[in-house]
Amino acid sequence: MEEKIKNILENQVDPVLSQHFGGSTLSKFENGVAYIRLTGACAHCPSAQDTIESVVKDYVMGGCPEVEDVVLDTSVSDDLLDMARKILNKGID
């Protein structure tokens, strides 16, 4: 299921979001819910939730009837947390 969702994001959603210098990634698929993180300019856009509701959800749920909901993942990525820890610990100059 995750591969199917990732394929929809890559081939249908990302071309739309790229017009606004953004993209999307699947954070996880759990209990019928696809958690999507927006990337690029879309990550910090005030309309991110609207984009999930009006664009991403339509494509994903339209292509995967098994998906019951699509949710915007606003959590901080582990990579970003690791980088912040390194900076705070003077691990990066």
PDB file of N, CA and C in Angstrom:
ATOM      1  N   MET A   1       0.817  -1.193   0.000  1.00  0.00           N
ATOM      2  CA  MET A   1       0.000   0.000   0.000  1.00  0.00           C
ATOM      3  C   MET A   1       0.870   1.270   0.000  1.00  0.00           C
ATOM      4  N   GLU A   2       1.945   1.240   0.800  1.00  0.00           N
ATOM      5  CA  GLU A   2       2.811   2.421   0.850  1.00  0.00           C
ATOM      6  C   GLU A   2       3.402   2.745  -0.518  1.00  0.00           C
ATOM      7  N   GLU A   3       3.813   1.725  -1.250  1.00  0.00           N
ATOM      8  CA  GLU A   3       4.381   1.952  -2.586  1.00  0.00           C
ATOM      9  C   GLU A   3       3.335   2.544  -3.530  1.00  0.00           C
ATOM     10  N   LYS A   4       2.115   2.088  -3.407  1.00  0.00           N
ATOM     11  CA  LYS A   4       1.035   2.613  -4.249  1.00  0.00           C
ATOM     12  C   LYS A   4       0.791   4.097  -3.949  1.00  0.00           C
ATOM     13  N   ILE A   5       0.797   4.446  -2.672  1.00  0.00           N
ATOM     14  CA  ILE A   5       0.594   5.847  -2.272  1.00  0.00           C
ATOM     15  C   ILE A   5       1.775   6.691  -2.746  1.00  0.00           C
ATOM     16  N   LYS A   6       2.991   6.197  -2.545  1.00  0.00           N
ATOM     17  CA  LYS A   6       4.183   6.933  -2.984  1.00  0.00           C
ATOM     18  C   LYS A   6       4.156   7.168  -4.488  1.00  0.00           C
ATOM     19  N   ASN A   7       3.692   6.197  -5.243  1.00  0.00           N
ATOM     20  CA  ASN A   7       3.590   6.329  -6.692  1.00  0.00           C
ATOM     21  C   ASN A   7       2.598   7.439  -7.069  1.00  0.00           C
ATOM     22  N   ILE A   8       1.478   7.479  -6.386  1.00  0.00           N
ATOM     23  CA  ILE A   8       0.483   8.535  -6.651  1.00  0.00           C
ATOM     24  C   ILE A   8       1.068   9.902  -6.309  1.00  0.00           C
ATOM     25  N   LEU A   9       1.763   9.986  -5.188  1.00  0.00           N
ATOM     26  CA  LEU A   9       2.369  11.264  -4.801  1.00  0.00           C
ATOM     27  C   LEU A   9       3.377  11.718  -5.852  1.00  0.00           C
ATOM     28  N   GLU A  10       4.226  10.805  -6.263  1.00  0.00           N
ATOM     29  CA  GLU A  10       5.284  11.141  -7.222  1.00  0.00           C
ATOM     30  C   GLU A  10       4.750  11.508  -8.600  1.00  0.00           C
ATOM     31  N   ASN A  11       3.762  10.748  -9.074  1.00  0.00           N
ATOM     32  CA  ASN A  11       3.316  10.915 -10.456  1.00  0.00           C
ATOM     33  C   ASN A  11       2.105  11.816 -10.653  1.00  0.00           C
ATOM     34  N   GLN A  12       1.344  12.045  -9.592  1.00  0.00           N
ATOM     35  CA  GLN A  12       0.142  12.865  -9.750  1.00  0.00           C
ATOM     36  C   GLN A  12       0.152  14.118  -8.874  1.00  0.00           C
ATOM     37  N   VAL A  13       0.545  13.959  -7.621  1.00  0.00           N
ATOM     38  CA  VAL A  13       0.511  15.101  -6.696  1.00  0.00           C
ATOM     39  C   VAL A  13       1.703  16.028  -6.913  1.00  0.00           C
ATOM     40  N   ASP A  14       2.913  15.471  -6.958  1.00  0.00           N
ATOM     41  CA  ASP A  14       4.105  16.310  -7.060  1.00  0.00           C
ATOM     42  C   ASP A  14       4.140  17.201  -8.301  1.00  0.00           C
ATOM     43  N   PRO A  15       3.667  16.741  -9.471  1.00  0.00           N
ATOM     44  CA  PRO A  15       3.631  17.669 -10.604  1.00  0.00           C
ATOM     45  C   PRO A  15       2.759  18.908 -10.340  1.00  0.00           C
ATOM     46  N   VAL A  16       1.694  18.737  -9.590  1.00  0.00           N
ATOM     47  CA  VAL A  16       0.840  19.885  -9.238  1.00  0.00           C
ATOM     48  C   VAL A  16       1.575  20.786  -8.249  1.00  0.00           C
ATOM     49  N   LEU A  17       2.154  20.173  -7.199  1.00  0.00           N
ATOM     50  CA  LEU A  17       2.841  20.957  -6.173  1.00  0.00           C
ATOM     51  C   LEU A  17       4.115  21.610  -6.695  1.00  0.00           C
ATOM     52  N   SER A  18       4.741  21.008  -7.695  1.00  0.00           N
ATOM     53  CA  SER A  18       5.979  21.581  -8.236  1.00  0.00           C
ATOM     54  C   SER A  18       5.739  22.939  -8.886  1.00  0.00           C
ATOM     55  N   GLN A  19       4.509  23.196  -9.298  1.00  0.00           N
ATOM     56  CA  GLN A  19       4.171  24.503  -9.859  1.00  0.00           C
ATOM     57  C   GLN A  19       4.318  25.603  -8.801  1.00  0.00           C
ATOM     58  N   HIS A  20       4.322  25.194  -7.528  1.00  0.00           N
ATOM     59  CA  HIS A  20       4.484  26.126  -6.410  1.00  0.00           C
ATOM     60  C   HIS A  20       5.794  25.859  -5.675  1.00  0.00           C
ATOM     61  N   PHE A  21       6.729  25.181  -6.361  1.00  0.00           N
ATOM     62  CA  PHE A  21       8.054  24.860  -5.822  1.00  0.00           C
ATOM     63  C   PHE A  21       7.982  23.961  -4.594  1.00  0.00           C
ATOM     64  N   GLY A  22       7.038  23.010  -4.618  1.00  0.00           N
ATOM     65  CA  GLY A  22       6.883  22.099  -3.494  1.00  0.00           C
ATOM     66  C   GLY A  22       6.792  20.661  -3.940  1.00  0.00           C
ATOM     67  N   GLY A  23       6.571  19.801  -2.979  1.00  0.00           N
ATOM     68  CA  GLY A  23       6.426  18.380  -3.230  1.00  0.00           C
ATOM     69  C   GLY A  23       5.781  17.711  -2.030  1.00  0.00           C
ATOM     70  N   SER A  24       5.807  16.376  -2.020  1.00  0.00           N
ATOM     71  CA  SER A  24       5.165  15.637  -0.936  1.00  0.00           C
ATOM     72  C   SER A  24       5.898  14.326  -0.684  1.00  0.00           C
ATOM     73  N   THR A  25       5.801  13.848   0.541  1.00  0.00           N
ATOM     74  CA  THR A  25       6.340  12.539   0.902  1.00  0.00           C
ATOM     75  C   THR A  25       5.360  11.857   1.846  1.00  0.00           C
ATOM     76  N   LEU A  26       5.348  10.553   1.786  1.00  0.00           N
ATOM     77  CA  LEU A  26       4.541   9.758   2.703  1.00  0.00           C
ATOM     78  C   LEU A  26       5.362   9.519   3.960  1.00  0.00           C
ATOM     79  N   SER A  27       4.873  10.001   5.092  1.00  0.00           N
ATOM     80  CA  SER A  27       5.564   9.778   6.362  1.00  0.00           C
ATOM     81  C   SER A  27       5.279   8.384   6.886  1.00  0.00           C
ATOM     82  N   LYS A  28       3.991   8.028   6.831  1.00  0.00           N
ATOM     83  CA  LYS A  28       3.596   6.683   7.252  1.00  0.00           C
ATOM     84  C   LYS A  28       2.167   6.421   6.800  1.00  0.00           C
ATOM     85  N   PHE A  29       1.841   5.134   6.740  1.00  0.00           N
ATOM     86  CA  PHE A  29       0.472   4.700   6.463  1.00  0.00           C
ATOM     87  C   PHE A  29       0.093   3.766   7.593  1.00  0.00           C
ATOM     88  N   GLU A  30      -0.940   4.159   8.329  1.00  0.00           N
ATOM     89  CA  GLU A  30      -1.288   3.425   9.547  1.00  0.00           C
ATOM     90  C   GLU A  30      -2.796   3.476   9.770  1.00  0.00           C
ATOM     91  N   ASN A  31      -3.396   2.313   9.992  1.00  0.00           N
ATOM     92  CA  ASN A  31      -4.830   2.215  10.284  1.00  0.00           C
ATOM     93  C   ASN A  31      -5.692   2.926   9.250  1.00  0.00           C
ATOM     94  N   GLY A  32      -5.312   2.809   7.982  1.00  0.00           N
ATOM     95  CA  GLY A  32      -6.089   3.397   6.905  1.00  0.00           C
ATOM     96  C   GLY A  32      -5.831   4.875   6.668  1.00  0.00           C
ATOM     97  N   VAL A  33      -4.903   5.459   7.415  1.00  0.00           N
ATOM     98  CA  VAL A  33      -4.616   6.896   7.299  1.00  0.00           C
ATOM     99  C   VAL A  33      -3.224   7.095   6.702  1.00  0.00           C
ATOM    100  N   ALA A  34      -3.155   7.909   5.650  1.00  0.00           N
ATOM    101  CA  ALA A  34      -1.884   8.273   5.029  1.00  0.00           C
ATOM    102  C   ALA A  34      -1.444   9.617   5.607  1.00  0.00           C
ATOM    103  N   TYR A  35      -0.267   9.630   6.217  1.00  0.00           N
ATOM    104  CA  TYR A  35       0.304  10.850   6.776  1.00  0.00           C
ATOM    105  C   TYR A  35       1.279  11.409   5.758  1.00  0.00           C
ATOM    106  N   ILE A  36       0.989  12.602   5.262  1.00  0.00           N
ATOM    107  CA  ILE A  36       1.757  13.213   4.182  1.00  0.00           C
ATOM    108  C   ILE A  36       2.464  14.460   4.689  1.00  0.00           C
ATOM    109  N   ARG A  37       3.755  14.550   4.378  1.00  0.00           N
ATOM    110  CA  ARG A  37       4.532  15.743   4.705  1.00  0.00           C
ATOM    111  C   ARG A  37       4.735  16.514   3.404  1.00  0.00           C
ATOM    112  N   LEU A  38       4.433  17.795   3.420  1.00  0.00           N
ATOM    113  CA  LEU A  38       4.690  18.637   2.255  1.00  0.00           C
ATOM    114  C   LEU A  38       6.122  19.139   2.342  1.00  0.00           C
ATOM    115  N   THR A  39       6.764  19.302   1.185  1.00  0.00           N
ATOM    116  CA  THR A  39       8.165  19.702   1.132  1.00  0.00           C
ATOM    117  C   THR A  39       8.320  20.970   0.302  1.00  0.00           C
ATOM    118  N   GLY A  40       9.525  21.505   0.301  1.00  0.00           N
ATOM    119  CA  GLY A  40       9.805  22.714  -0.468  1.00  0.00           C
ATOM    120  C   GLY A  40       8.980  23.882   0.034  1.00  0.00           C
ATOM    121  N   ALA A  41       8.576  24.731  -0.890  1.00  0.00           N
ATOM    122  CA  ALA A  41       7.805  25.918  -0.519  1.00  0.00           C
ATOM    123  C   ALA A  41       6.459  25.560   0.111  1.00  0.00           C
ATOM    124  N   CYS A  42       5.936  24.385  -0.217  1.00  0.00           N
ATOM    125  CA  CYS A  42       4.635  23.965   0.330  1.00  0.00           C
ATOM    126  C   CYS A  42       4.716  23.616   1.811  1.00  0.00           C
ATOM    127  N   ALA A  43       5.916  23.304   2.298  1.00  0.00           N
ATOM    128  CA  ALA A  43       6.080  22.880   3.683  1.00  0.00           C
ATOM    129  C   ALA A  43       5.690  23.969   4.671  1.00  0.00           C
ATOM    130  N   HIS A  44       5.929  25.210   4.315  1.00  0.00           N
ATOM    131  CA  HIS A  44       5.684  26.312   5.247  1.00  0.00           C
ATOM    132  C   HIS A  44       4.578  27.247   4.771  1.00  0.00           C
ATOM    133  N   CYS A  45       3.855  26.804   3.787  1.00  0.00           N
ATOM    134  CA  CYS A  45       2.793  27.633   3.223  1.00  0.00           C
ATOM    135  C   CYS A  45       1.605  27.690   4.177  1.00  0.00           C
ATOM    136  N   PRO A  46       1.020  28.853   4.353  1.00  0.00           N
ATOM    137  CA  PRO A  46      -0.163  28.955   5.213  1.00  0.00           C
ATOM    138  C   PRO A  46      -1.355  28.145   4.684  1.00  0.00           C
ATOM    139  N   SER A  47      -1.311  27.779   3.417  1.00  0.00           N
ATOM    140  CA  SER A  47      -2.406  27.011   2.818  1.00  0.00           C
ATOM    141  C   SER A  47      -2.115  25.510   2.761  1.00  0.00           C
ATOM    142  N   ALA A  48      -1.141  25.045   3.521  1.00  0.00           N
ATOM    143  CA  ALA A  48      -0.750  23.636   3.471  1.00  0.00           C
ATOM    144  C   ALA A  48      -1.930  22.709   3.787  1.00  0.00           C
ATOM    145  N   GLN A  49      -2.689  23.038   4.812  1.00  0.00           N
ATOM    146  CA  GLN A  49      -3.834  22.190   5.169  1.00  0.00           C
ATOM    147  C   GLN A  49      -4.863  22.170   4.038  1.00  0.00           C
ATOM    148  N   ASP A  50      -5.082  23.315   3.411  1.00  0.00           N
ATOM    149  CA  ASP A  50      -6.008  23.375   2.272  1.00  0.00           C
ATOM    150  C   ASP A  50      -5.495  22.541   1.108  1.00  0.00           C
ATOM    151  N   THR A  51      -4.187  22.544   0.893  1.00  0.00           N
ATOM    152  CA  THR A  51      -3.585  21.749  -0.174  1.00  0.00           C
ATOM    153  C   THR A  51      -3.818  20.264   0.081  1.00  0.00           C
ATOM    154  N   ILE A  52      -3.656  19.845   1.324  1.00  0.00           N
ATOM    155  CA  ILE A  52      -3.926  18.443   1.667  1.00  0.00           C
ATOM    156  C   ILE A  52      -5.376  18.115   1.362  1.00  0.00           C
ATOM    157  N   GLU A  53      -6.280  18.971   1.795  1.00  0.00           N
ATOM    158  CA  GLU A  53      -7.721  18.718   1.638  1.00  0.00           C
ATOM    159  C   GLU A  53      -8.171  18.764   0.181  1.00  0.00           C
ATOM    160  N   SER A  54      -7.672  19.724  -0.586  1.00  0.00           N
ATOM    161  CA  SER A  54      -8.216  19.931  -1.928  1.00  0.00           C
ATOM    162  C   SER A  54      -7.419  19.264  -3.049  1.00  0.00           C
ATOM    163  N   VAL A  55      -6.169  18.898  -2.790  1.00  0.00           N
ATOM    164  CA  VAL A  55      -5.354  18.307  -3.844  1.00  0.00           C
ATOM    165  C   VAL A  55      -4.927  16.886  -3.474  1.00  0.00           C
ATOM    166  N   VAL A  56      -4.159  16.785  -2.414  1.00  0.00           N
ATOM    167  CA  VAL A  56      -3.535  15.507  -2.060  1.00  0.00           C
ATOM    168  C   VAL A  56      -4.573  14.451  -1.733  1.00  0.00           C
ATOM    169  N   LYS A  57      -5.539  14.796  -0.914  1.00  0.00           N
ATOM    170  CA  LYS A  57      -6.557  13.823  -0.496  1.00  0.00           C
ATOM    171  C   LYS A  57      -7.332  13.290  -1.706  1.00  0.00           C
ATOM    172  N   ASP A  58      -7.679  14.147  -2.633  1.00  0.00           N
ATOM    173  CA  ASP A  58      -8.420  13.711  -3.823  1.00  0.00           C
ATOM    174  C   ASP A  58      -7.638  12.680  -4.635  1.00  0.00           C
ATOM    175  N   TYR A  59      -6.360  12.969  -4.876  1.00  0.00           N
ATOM    176  CA  TYR A  59      -5.545  12.043  -5.665  1.00  0.00           C
ATOM    177  C   TYR A  59      -5.323  10.722  -4.927  1.00  0.00           C
ATOM    178  N   VAL A  60      -4.938  10.799  -3.668  1.00  0.00           N
ATOM    179  CA  VAL A  60      -4.594   9.585  -2.926  1.00  0.00           C
ATOM    180  C   VAL A  60      -5.819   8.714  -2.695  1.00  0.00           C
ATOM    181  N   MET A  61      -6.891   9.302  -2.211  1.00  0.00           N
ATOM    182  CA  MET A  61      -8.091   8.507  -1.930  1.00  0.00           C
ATOM    183  C   MET A  61      -8.762   8.051  -3.219  1.00  0.00           C
ATOM    184  N   GLY A  62      -8.622   8.838  -4.274  1.00  0.00           N
ATOM    185  CA  GLY A  62      -9.165   8.437  -5.571  1.00  0.00           C
ATOM    186  C   GLY A  62      -8.431   7.250  -6.165  1.00  0.00           C
ATOM    187  N   GLY A  63      -7.124   7.169  -5.899  1.00  0.00           N
ATOM    188  CA  GLY A  63      -6.324   6.084  -6.441  1.00  0.00           C
ATOM    189  C   GLY A  63      -6.165   4.887  -5.520  1.00  0.00           C
ATOM    190  N   CYS A  64      -6.505   5.070  -4.260  1.00  0.00           N
ATOM    191  CA  CYS A  64      -6.363   3.997  -3.261  1.00  0.00           C
ATOM    192  C   CYS A  64      -7.618   3.945  -2.390  1.00  0.00           C
ATOM    193  N   PRO A  65      -8.601   3.175  -2.778  1.00  0.00           N
ATOM    194  CA  PRO A  65      -9.835   3.105  -1.985  1.00  0.00           C
ATOM    195  C   PRO A  65      -9.602   2.604  -0.550  1.00  0.00           C
ATOM    196  N   GLU A  66      -8.461   1.944  -0.325  1.00  0.00           N
ATOM    197  CA  GLU A  66      -8.141   1.447   1.013  1.00  0.00           C
ATOM    198  C   GLU A  66      -7.779   2.575   1.981  1.00  0.00           C
ATOM    199  N   VAL A  67      -7.400   3.727   1.447  1.00  0.00           N
ATOM    200  CA  VAL A  67      -7.045   4.869   2.285  1.00  0.00           C
ATOM    201  C   VAL A  67      -8.328   5.540   2.760  1.00  0.00           C
ATOM    202  N   GLU A  68      -8.483   5.616   4.069  1.00  0.00           N
ATOM    203  CA  GLU A  68      -9.688   6.189   4.661  1.00  0.00           C
ATOM    204  C   GLU A  68      -9.569   7.688   4.908  1.00  0.00           C
ATOM    205  N   ASP A  69      -8.319   8.169   5.061  1.00  0.00           N
ATOM    206  CA  ASP A  69      -8.112   9.595   5.295  1.00  0.00           C
ATOM    207  C   ASP A  69      -6.674   9.953   4.933  1.00  0.00           C
ATOM    208  N   VAL A  70      -6.459  11.223   4.649  1.00  0.00           N
ATOM    209  CA  VAL A  70      -5.132  11.762   4.374  1.00  0.00           C
ATOM    210  C   VAL A  70      -4.939  12.934   5.320  1.00  0.00           C
ATOM    211  N   VAL A  71      -3.828  12.900   6.059  1.00  0.00           N
ATOM    212  CA  VAL A  71      -3.576  13.886   7.100  1.00  0.00           C
ATOM    213  C   VAL A  71      -2.243  14.574   6.848  1.00  0.00           C
ATOM    214  N   LEU A  72      -2.198  15.872   7.087  1.00  0.00           N
ATOM    215  CA  LEU A  72      -0.961  16.638   6.970  1.00  0.00           C
ATOM    216  C   LEU A  72      -0.061  16.303   8.151  1.00  0.00           C
ATOM    217  N   ASP A  73       1.144  15.841   7.862  1.00  0.00           N
ATOM    218  CA  ASP A  73       2.129  15.539   8.903  1.00  0.00           C
ATOM    219  C   ASP A  73       2.962  16.790   9.143  1.00  0.00           C
ATOM    220  N   THR A  74       2.784  17.393  10.307  1.00  0.00           N
ATOM    221  CA  THR A  74       3.519  18.611  10.644  1.00  0.00           C
ATOM    222  C   THR A  74       4.629  18.340  11.655  1.00  0.00           C
ATOM    223  N   SER A  75       4.906  17.057  11.895  1.00  0.00           N
ATOM    224  CA  SER A  75       5.966  16.725  12.848  1.00  0.00           C
ATOM    225  C   SER A  75       7.328  17.109  12.272  1.00  0.00           C
ATOM    226  N   VAL A  76       8.290  17.253  13.138  1.00  0.00           N
ATOM    227  CA  VAL A  76       9.646  17.590  12.732  1.00  0.00           C
ATOM    228  C   VAL A  76      10.362  16.299  12.361  1.00  0.00           C
ATOM    229  N   SER A  77      11.035  16.298  11.222  1.00  0.00           N
ATOM    230  CA  SER A  77      11.713  15.089  10.755  1.00  0.00           C
ATOM    231  C   SER A  77      12.895  14.751  11.650  1.00  0.00           C
ATOM    232  N   ASP A  78      13.220  13.472  11.710  1.00  0.00           N
ATOM    233  CA  ASP A  78      14.363  13.014  12.508  1.00  0.00           C
ATOM    234  C   ASP A  78      15.667  13.610  11.990  1.00  0.00           C
ATOM    235  N   ASP A  79      15.794  13.781  10.677  1.00  0.00           N
ATOM    236  CA  ASP A  79      16.999  14.370  10.103  1.00  0.00           C
ATOM    237  C   ASP A  79      17.205  15.806  10.600  1.00  0.00           C
ATOM    238  N   LEU A  80      16.129  16.564  10.639  1.00  0.00           N
ATOM    239  CA  LEU A  80      16.222  17.945  11.106  1.00  0.00           C
ATOM    240  C   LEU A  80      16.559  17.987  12.592  1.00  0.00           C
ATOM    241  N   LEU A  81      15.960  17.103  13.370  1.00  0.00           N
ATOM    242  CA  LEU A  81      16.279  17.045  14.798  1.00  0.00           C
ATOM    243  C   LEU A  81      17.745  16.672  15.017  1.00  0.00           C
ATOM    244  N   ASP A  82      18.259  15.718  14.246  1.00  0.00           N
ATOM    245  CA  ASP A  82      19.663  15.322  14.362  1.00  0.00           C
ATOM    246  C   ASP A  82      20.592  16.489  14.028  1.00  0.00           C
ATOM    247  N   MET A  83      20.260  17.223  12.978  1.00  0.00           N
ATOM    248  CA  MET A  83      21.079  18.364  12.598  1.00  0.00           C
ATOM    249  C   MET A  83      21.066  19.422  13.697  1.00  0.00           C
ATOM    250  N   ALA A  84      19.903  19.688  14.264  1.00  0.00           N
ATOM    251  CA  ALA A  84      19.797  20.672  15.341  1.00  0.00           C
ATOM    252  C   ALA A  84      20.628  20.248  16.548  1.00  0.00           C
ATOM    253  N   ARG A  85      20.595  18.960  16.882  1.00  0.00           N
ATOM    254  CA  ARG A  85      21.402  18.460  18.007  1.00  0.00           C
ATOM    255  C   ARG A  85      22.895  18.658  17.741  1.00  0.00           C
ATOM    256  N   LYS A  86      23.323  18.386  16.513  1.00  0.00           N
ATOM    257  CA  LYS A  86      24.725  18.554  16.167  1.00  0.00           C
ATOM    258  C   LYS A  86      25.134  20.021  16.266  1.00  0.00           C
ATOM    259  N   ILE A  87      24.292  20.900  15.793  1.00  0.00           N
ATOM    260  CA  ILE A  87      24.594  22.330  15.877  1.00  0.00           C
ATOM    261  C   ILE A  87      24.679  22.764  17.334  1.00  0.00           C
ATOM    262  N   LEU A  88      23.715  22.347  18.129  1.00  0.00           N
ATOM    263  CA  LEU A  88      23.714  22.722  19.539  1.00  0.00           C
ATOM    264  C   LEU A  88      24.923  22.156  20.292  1.00  0.00           C
ATOM    265  N   ASN A  89      25.383  21.008  19.851  1.00  0.00           N
ATOM    266  CA  ASN A  89      26.540  20.372  20.481  1.00  0.00           C
ATOM    267  C   ASN A  89      27.836  20.720  19.764  1.00  0.00           C
ATOM    268  N   LYS A  90      27.789  21.730  18.898  1.00  0.00           N
ATOM    269  CA  LYS A  90      28.945  22.191  18.131  1.00  0.00           C
ATOM    270  C   LYS A  90      29.539  21.115  17.259  1.00  0.00           C
ATOM    271  N   GLY A  91      28.670  20.213  16.765  1.00  0.00           N
ATOM    272  CA  GLY A  91      29.118  19.134  15.886  1.00  0.00           C
ATOM    273  C   GLY A  91      29.247  19.573  14.446  1.00  0.00           C
ATOM    274  N   ILE A  92      28.670  20.720  14.127  1.00  0.00           N
ATOM    275  CA  ILE A  92      28.758  21.272  12.765  1.00  0.00           C
ATOM    276  C   ILE A  92      29.315  22.678  12.865  1.00  0.00           C
ATOM    277  N   ASP A  93      30.290  22.970  12.054  1.00  0.00           N
ATOM    278  CA  ASP A  93      30.889  24.322  12.077  1.00  0.00           C
ATOM    279  C   ASP A  93      30.189  25.223  11.100  1.00  0.00           C
TER     280      ASP A  93
END
